[in-house]
Amino acid sequence: MESLDDVLVPMELKYCERCGGLWFREKDAGEVYCPGCVPQMADMPRPKRKRDKCSACIARSRKTGWRCR
């Protein structure tokens, strides 16, 4: 017989970054789109490069001369 710990899967409540719907995903899975939006986002082109700095870092560096890592 299985113990309860073998059956339970840690889950977290997540909002979809496309449609805003709420859904459950396995903890630390890293998915950002709900299962309904995953196929639609697969058709979208990938960004060519990531942004180097966030807007908060840019604003802070302008005011204080601070540099983002």
PDB file of N, CA and C in Angstrom:
ATOM      1  N   MET A   1       0.832  -1.177   0.000  1.00  0.00           N
ATOM      2  CA  MET A   1       0.000   0.000   0.000  1.00  0.00           C
ATOM      3  C   MET A   1       0.882   1.246   0.000  1.00  0.00           C
ATOM      4  N   GLU A   2       0.511   2.252  -0.797  1.00  0.00           N
ATOM      5  CA  GLU A   2       1.282   3.480  -0.895  1.00  0.00           C
ATOM      6  C   GLU A   2       1.028   4.375   0.311  1.00  0.00           C
ATOM      7  N   SER A   3       2.071   5.073   0.728  1.00  0.00           N
ATOM      8  CA  SER A   3       1.873   6.040   1.807  1.00  0.00           C
ATOM      9  C   SER A   3       1.331   7.340   1.204  1.00  0.00           C
ATOM     10  N   LEU A   4       0.778   8.170   2.027  1.00  0.00           N
ATOM     11  CA  LEU A   4       0.195   9.425   1.566  1.00  0.00           C
ATOM     12  C   LEU A   4       1.258  10.329   0.949  1.00  0.00           C
ATOM     13  N   ASP A   5       2.481  10.288   1.460  1.00  0.00           N
ATOM     14  CA  ASP A   5       3.556  11.115   0.917  1.00  0.00           C
ATOM     15  C   ASP A   5       3.927  10.721  -0.509  1.00  0.00           C
ATOM     16  N   ASP A   6       3.737   9.460  -0.875  1.00  0.00           N
ATOM     17  CA  ASP A   6       4.031   9.012  -2.229  1.00  0.00           C
ATOM     18  C   ASP A   6       2.992   9.502  -3.232  1.00  0.00           C
ATOM     19  N   VAL A   7       1.810   9.805  -2.771  1.00  0.00           N
ATOM     20  CA  VAL A   7       0.706  10.187  -3.650  1.00  0.00           C
ATOM     21  C   VAL A   7       0.588  11.704  -3.791  1.00  0.00           C
ATOM     22  N   LEU A   8       0.903  12.451  -2.749  1.00  0.00           N
ATOM     23  CA  LEU A   8       0.745  13.902  -2.764  1.00  0.00           C
ATOM     24  C   LEU A   8       1.820  14.568  -3.614  1.00  0.00           C
ATOM     25  N   VAL A   9       1.414  15.558  -4.395  1.00  0.00           N
ATOM     26  CA  VAL A   9       2.328  16.334  -5.226  1.00  0.00           C
ATOM     27  C   VAL A   9       2.192  17.797  -4.804  1.00  0.00           C
ATOM     28  N   PRO A  10       3.283  18.457  -4.412  1.00  0.00           N
ATOM     29  CA  PRO A  10       3.181  19.873  -4.041  1.00  0.00           C
ATOM     30  C   PRO A  10       2.756  20.712  -5.248  1.00  0.00           C
ATOM     31  N   MET A  11       1.742  21.545  -5.042  1.00  0.00           N
ATOM     32  CA  MET A  11       1.205  22.380  -6.117  1.00  0.00           C
ATOM     33  C   MET A  11       1.218  23.834  -5.680  1.00  0.00           C
ATOM     34  N   GLU A  12       1.165  24.739  -6.649  1.00  0.00           N
ATOM     35  CA  GLU A  12       1.030  26.154  -6.349  1.00  0.00           C
ATOM     36  C   GLU A  12       0.031  26.781  -7.306  1.00  0.00           C
ATOM     37  N   LEU A  13      -0.672  27.792  -6.816  1.00  0.00           N
ATOM     38  CA  LEU A  13      -1.638  28.512  -7.632  1.00  0.00           C
ATOM     39  C   LEU A  13      -0.881  29.531  -8.461  1.00  0.00           C
ATOM     40  N   LYS A  14      -1.158  29.566  -9.759  1.00  0.00           N
ATOM     41  CA  LYS A  14      -0.436  30.437 -10.685  1.00  0.00           C
ATOM     42  C   LYS A  14      -1.434  31.139 -11.566  1.00  0.00           C
ATOM     43  N   TYR A  15      -1.113  32.375 -11.993  1.00  0.00           N
ATOM     44  CA  TYR A  15      -1.942  33.043 -12.990  1.00  0.00           C
ATOM     45  C   TYR A  15      -1.237  32.942 -14.333  1.00  0.00           C
ATOM     46  N   CYS A  16      -2.022  32.803 -15.380  1.00  0.00           N
ATOM     47  CA  CYS A  16      -1.473  32.698 -16.729  1.00  0.00           C
ATOM     48  C   CYS A  16      -1.016  34.082 -17.175  1.00  0.00           C
ATOM     49  N   GLU A  17       0.191  34.190 -17.690  1.00  0.00           N
ATOM     50  CA  GLU A  17       0.727  35.476 -18.118  1.00  0.00           C
ATOM     51  C   GLU A  17       0.178  35.914 -19.472  1.00  0.00           C
ATOM     52  N   ARG A  18      -0.655  35.100 -20.090  1.00  0.00           N
ATOM     53  CA  ARG A  18      -1.315  35.497 -21.337  1.00  0.00           C
ATOM     54  C   ARG A  18      -2.760  35.896 -21.098  1.00  0.00           C
ATOM     55  N   CYS A  19      -3.550  35.007 -20.494  1.00  0.00           N
ATOM     56  CA  CYS A  19      -4.992  35.257 -20.350  1.00  0.00           C
ATOM     57  C   CYS A  19      -5.393  35.712 -18.951  1.00  0.00           C
ATOM     58  N   GLY A  20      -4.506  35.567 -17.966  1.00  0.00           N
ATOM     59  CA  GLY A  20      -4.806  35.980 -16.603  1.00  0.00           C
ATOM     60  C   GLY A  20      -5.604  34.965 -15.803  1.00  0.00           C
ATOM     61  N   GLY A  21      -5.889  33.824 -16.392  1.00  0.00           N
ATOM     62  CA  GLY A  21      -6.630  32.785 -15.686  1.00  0.00           C
ATOM     63  C   GLY A  21      -5.802  32.137 -14.592  1.00  0.00           C
ATOM     64  N   LEU A  22      -6.473  31.614 -13.582  1.00  0.00           N
ATOM     65  CA  LEU A  22      -5.792  30.920 -12.495  1.00  0.00           C
ATOM     66  C   LEU A  22      -5.772  29.423 -12.757  1.00  0.00           C
ATOM     67  N   TRP A  23      -4.666  28.781 -12.425  1.00  0.00           N
ATOM     68  CA  TRP A  23      -4.528  27.345 -12.600  1.00  0.00           C
ATOM     69  C   TRP A  23      -3.486  26.832 -11.615  1.00  0.00           C
ATOM     70  N   PHE A  24      -3.472  25.533 -11.414  1.00  0.00           N
ATOM     71  CA  PHE A  24      -2.487  24.905 -10.533  1.00  0.00           C
ATOM     72  C   PHE A  24      -1.376  24.288 -11.365  1.00  0.00           C
ATOM     73  N   ARG A  25      -0.163  24.432 -10.867  1.00  0.00           N
ATOM     74  CA  ARG A  25       0.982  23.768 -11.493  1.00  0.00           C
ATOM     75  C   ARG A  25       1.789  23.103 -10.388  1.00  0.00           C
ATOM     76  N   GLU A  26       2.602  22.142 -10.774  1.00  0.00           N
ATOM     77  CA  GLU A  26       3.483  21.518  -9.792  1.00  0.00           C
ATOM     78  C   GLU A  26       4.456  22.570  -9.279  1.00  0.00           C
ATOM     79  N   LYS A  27       4.763  22.503  -8.004  1.00  0.00           N
ATOM     80  CA  LYS A  27       5.642  23.495  -7.396  1.00  0.00           C
ATOM     81  C   LYS A  27       6.988  23.540  -8.107  1.00  0.00           C
ATOM     82  N   ASP A  28       7.455  24.751  -8.385  1.00  0.00           N
ATOM     83  CA  ASP A  28       8.744  25.018  -9.044  1.00  0.00           C
ATOM     84  C   ASP A  28       8.826  24.470 -10.462  1.00  0.00           C
ATOM     85  N   ALA A  29       7.667  24.301 -11.131  1.00  0.00           N
ATOM     86  CA  ALA A  29       7.676  23.775 -12.494  1.00  0.00           C
ATOM     87  C   ALA A  29       8.172  24.815 -13.491  1.00  0.00           C
ATOM     88  N   GLY A  30       7.893  26.092 -13.253  1.00  0.00           N
ATOM     89  CA  GLY A  30       8.407  27.136 -14.127  1.00  0.00           C
ATOM     90  C   GLY A  30       7.511  27.503 -15.295  1.00  0.00           C
ATOM     91  N   GLU A  31       6.405  26.812 -15.486  1.00  0.00           N
ATOM     92  CA  GLU A  31       5.509  27.162 -16.587  1.00  0.00           C
ATOM     93  C   GLU A  31       4.846  28.505 -16.293  1.00  0.00           C
ATOM     94  N   VAL A  32       4.647  29.340 -17.304  1.00  0.00           N
ATOM     95  CA  VAL A  32       4.027  30.645 -17.090  1.00  0.00           C
ATOM     96  C   VAL A  32       2.691  30.787 -17.807  1.00  0.00           C
ATOM     97  N   TYR A  33       2.350  29.820 -18.667  1.00  0.00           N
ATOM     98  CA  TYR A  33       1.084  29.855 -19.393  1.00  0.00           C
ATOM     99  C   TYR A  33       0.228  28.656 -19.008  1.00  0.00           C
ATOM    100  N   CYS A  34      -1.085  28.876 -18.940  1.00  0.00           N
ATOM    101  CA  CYS A  34      -1.997  27.781 -18.627  1.00  0.00           C
ATOM    102  C   CYS A  34      -2.021  26.786 -19.785  1.00  0.00           C
ATOM    103  N   PRO A  35      -2.495  25.573 -19.552  1.00  0.00           N
ATOM    104  CA  PRO A  35      -2.520  24.573 -20.632  1.00  0.00           C
ATOM    105  C   PRO A  35      -3.293  25.036 -21.866  1.00  0.00           C
ATOM    106  N   GLY A  36      -4.296  25.876 -21.699  1.00  0.00           N
ATOM    107  CA  GLY A  36      -5.044  26.381 -22.854  1.00  0.00           C
ATOM    108  C   GLY A  36      -4.262  27.361 -23.709  1.00  0.00           C
ATOM    109  N   CYS A  37      -3.323  28.096 -23.113  1.00  0.00           N
ATOM    110  CA  CYS A  37      -2.554  29.106 -23.844  1.00  0.00           C
ATOM    111  C   CYS A  37      -1.227  28.588 -24.392  1.00  0.00           C
ATOM    112  N   VAL A  38      -0.748  27.467 -23.898  1.00  0.00           N
ATOM    113  CA  VAL A  38       0.546  26.935 -24.342  1.00  0.00           C
ATOM    114  C   VAL A  38       0.586  26.730 -25.859  1.00  0.00           C
ATOM    115  N   PRO A  39      -0.432  26.106 -26.488  1.00  0.00           N
ATOM    116  CA  PRO A  39      -0.361  25.924 -27.945  1.00  0.00           C
ATOM    117  C   PRO A  39      -0.372  27.253 -28.703  1.00  0.00           C
ATOM    118  N   GLN A  40      -1.108  28.235 -28.214  1.00  0.00           N
ATOM    119  CA  GLN A  40      -1.168  29.533 -28.891  1.00  0.00           C
ATOM    120  C   GLN A  40       0.159  30.277 -28.769  1.00  0.00           C
ATOM    121  N   MET A  41       0.809  30.154 -27.627  1.00  0.00           N
ATOM    122  CA  MET A  41       2.089  30.828 -27.441  1.00  0.00           C
ATOM    123  C   MET A  41       3.217  30.118 -28.193  1.00  0.00           C
ATOM    124  N   ALA A  42       3.057  28.846 -28.476  1.00  0.00           N
ATOM    125  CA  ALA A  42       4.069  28.116 -29.234  1.00  0.00           C
ATOM    126  C   ALA A  42       4.188  28.661 -30.652  1.00  0.00           C
ATOM    127  N   ASP A  43       3.101  29.247 -31.165  1.00  0.00           N
ATOM    128  CA  ASP A  43       3.121  29.820 -32.511  1.00  0.00           C
ATOM    129  C   ASP A  43       3.749  31.209 -32.561  1.00  0.00           C
ATOM    130  N   MET A  44       3.951  31.825 -31.408  1.00  0.00           N
ATOM    131  CA  MET A  44       4.519  33.178 -31.358  1.00  0.00           C
ATOM    132  C   MET A  44       6.036  33.112 -31.526  1.00  0.00           C
ATOM    133  N   PRO A  45       6.616  34.108 -32.186  1.00  0.00           N
ATOM    134  CA  PRO A  45       8.084  34.109 -32.314  1.00  0.00           C
ATOM    135  C   PRO A  45       8.750  34.359 -30.978  1.00  0.00           C
ATOM    136  N   ARG A  46       9.889  33.744 -30.772  1.00  0.00           N
ATOM    137  CA  ARG A  46      10.664  33.939 -29.555  1.00  0.00           C
ATOM    138  C   ARG A  46      11.376  35.286 -29.638  1.00  0.00           C
ATOM    139  N   PRO A  47      11.550  35.972 -28.497  1.00  0.00           N
ATOM    140  CA  PRO A  47      12.323  37.211 -28.532  1.00  0.00           C
ATOM    141  C   PRO A  47      13.761  36.918 -28.942  1.00  0.00           C
ATOM    142  N   LYS A  48      14.362  37.818 -29.685  1.00  0.00           N
ATOM    143  CA  LYS A  48      15.715  37.595 -30.180  1.00  0.00           C
ATOM    144  C   LYS A  48      16.754  37.663 -29.070  1.00  0.00           C
ATOM    145  N   ARG A  49      16.532  38.535 -28.105  1.00  0.00           N
ATOM    146  CA  ARG A  49      17.450  38.601 -26.965  1.00  0.00           C
ATOM    147  C   ARG A  49      16.696  39.129 -25.757  1.00  0.00           C
ATOM    148  N   LYS A  50      17.229  38.830 -24.601  1.00  0.00           N
ATOM    149  CA  LYS A  50      16.619  39.319 -23.378  1.00  0.00           C
ATOM    150  C   LYS A  50      17.076  40.750 -23.124  1.00  0.00           C
ATOM    151  N   ARG A  51      16.238  41.476 -22.416  1.00  0.00           N
ATOM    152  CA  ARG A  51      16.618  42.827 -22.030  1.00  0.00           C
ATOM    153  C   ARG A  51      17.767  42.749 -21.038  1.00  0.00           C
ATOM    154  N   ASP A  52      18.706  43.651 -21.183  1.00  0.00           N
ATOM    155  CA  ASP A  52      19.866  43.646 -20.303  1.00  0.00           C
ATOM    156  C   ASP A  52      19.540  44.130 -18.902  1.00  0.00           C
ATOM    157  N   LYS A  53      18.718  45.165 -18.805  1.00  0.00           N
ATOM    158  CA  LYS A  53      18.420  45.741 -17.505  1.00  0.00           C
ATOM    159  C   LYS A  53      16.926  45.940 -17.352  1.00  0.00           C
ATOM    160  N   CYS A  54      16.464  45.817 -16.162  1.00  0.00           N
ATOM    161  CA  CYS A  54      15.055  46.085 -15.897  1.00  0.00           C
ATOM    162  C   CYS A  54      14.859  47.596 -15.784  1.00  0.00           C
ATOM    163  N   SER A  55      13.637  48.058 -15.935  1.00  0.00           N
ATOM    164  CA  SER A  55      13.363  49.492 -15.898  1.00  0.00           C
ATOM    165  C   SER A  55      13.694  50.097 -14.540  1.00  0.00           C
ATOM    166  N   ALA A  56      13.538  49.324 -13.460  1.00  0.00           N
ATOM    167  CA  ALA A  56      13.882  49.835 -12.131  1.00  0.00           C
ATOM    168  C   ALA A  56      15.381  50.091 -12.023  1.00  0.00           C
ATOM    169  N   CYS A  57      16.190  49.208 -12.586  1.00  0.00           N
ATOM    170  CA  CYS A  57      17.642  49.395 -12.541  1.00  0.00           C
ATOM    171  C   CYS A  57      18.054  50.613 -13.362  1.00  0.00           C
ATOM    172  N   ILE A  58      17.425  50.819 -14.502  1.00  0.00           N
ATOM    173  CA  ILE A  58      17.753  51.965 -15.346  1.00  0.00           C
ATOM    174  C   ILE A  58      17.413  53.262 -14.627  1.00  0.00           C
ATOM    175  N   ALA A  59      16.224  53.326 -14.018  1.00  0.00           N
ATOM    176  CA  ALA A  59      15.820  54.536 -13.302  1.00  0.00           C
ATOM    177  C   ALA A  59      16.757  54.799 -12.127  1.00  0.00           C
ATOM    178  N   ARG A  60      17.112  53.758 -11.399  1.00  0.00           N
ATOM    179  CA  ARG A  60      17.998  53.923 -10.239  1.00  0.00           C
ATOM    180  C   ARG A  60      19.382  54.376 -10.683  1.00  0.00           C
ATOM    181  N   SER A  61      19.890  53.844 -11.785  1.00  0.00           N
ATOM    182  CA  SER A  61      21.227  54.214 -12.237  1.00  0.00           C
ATOM    183  C   SER A  61      21.266  55.661 -12.709  1.00  0.00           C
ATOM    184  N   ARG A  62      20.171  56.143 -13.272  1.00  0.00           N
ATOM    185  CA  ARG A  62      20.126  57.544 -13.699  1.00  0.00           C
ATOM    186  C   ARG A  62      20.160  58.495 -12.516  1.00  0.00           C
ATOM    187  N   LYS A  63      19.504  58.099 -11.430  1.00  0.00           N
ATOM    188  CA  LYS A  63      19.438  58.973 -10.249  1.00  0.00           C
ATOM    189  C   LYS A  63      20.705  58.940  -9.423  1.00  0.00           C
ATOM    190  N   THR A  64      21.299  57.772  -9.269  1.00  0.00           N
ATOM    191  CA  THR A  64      22.397  57.620  -8.303  1.00  0.00           C
ATOM    192  C   THR A  64      23.721  57.181  -8.912  1.00  0.00           C
ATOM    193  N   GLY A  65      23.727  56.791 -10.179  1.00  0.00           N
ATOM    194  CA  GLY A  65      24.944  56.278 -10.778  1.00  0.00           C
ATOM    195  C   GLY A  65      25.198  54.814 -10.463  1.00  0.00           C
ATOM    196  N   TRP A  66      24.215  54.174  -9.778  1.00  0.00           N
ATOM    197  CA  TRP A  66      24.313  52.764  -9.417  1.00  0.00           C
ATOM    198  C   TRP A  66      24.299  51.893 -10.652  1.00  0.00           C
ATOM    199  N   ARG A  67      25.047  50.808 -10.647  1.00  0.00           N
ATOM    200  CA  ARG A  67      25.108  49.893 -11.788  1.00  0.00           C
ATOM    201  C   ARG A  67      24.430  48.577 -11.454  1.00  0.00           C
ATOM    202  N   CYS A  68      23.637  48.086 -12.374  1.00  0.00           N
ATOM    203  CA  CYS A  68      22.988  46.783 -12.232  1.00  0.00           C
ATOM    204  C   CYS A  68      24.024  45.692 -12.459  1.00  0.00           C
ATOM    205  N   ARG A  69      23.870  44.559 -11.792  1.00  0.00           N
ATOM    206  CA  ARG A  69      24.806  43.448 -11.964  1.00  0.00           C
ATOM    207  C   ARG A  69      24.784  42.909 -13.345  1.00  0.00           C
TER     208      ARG A  69
END
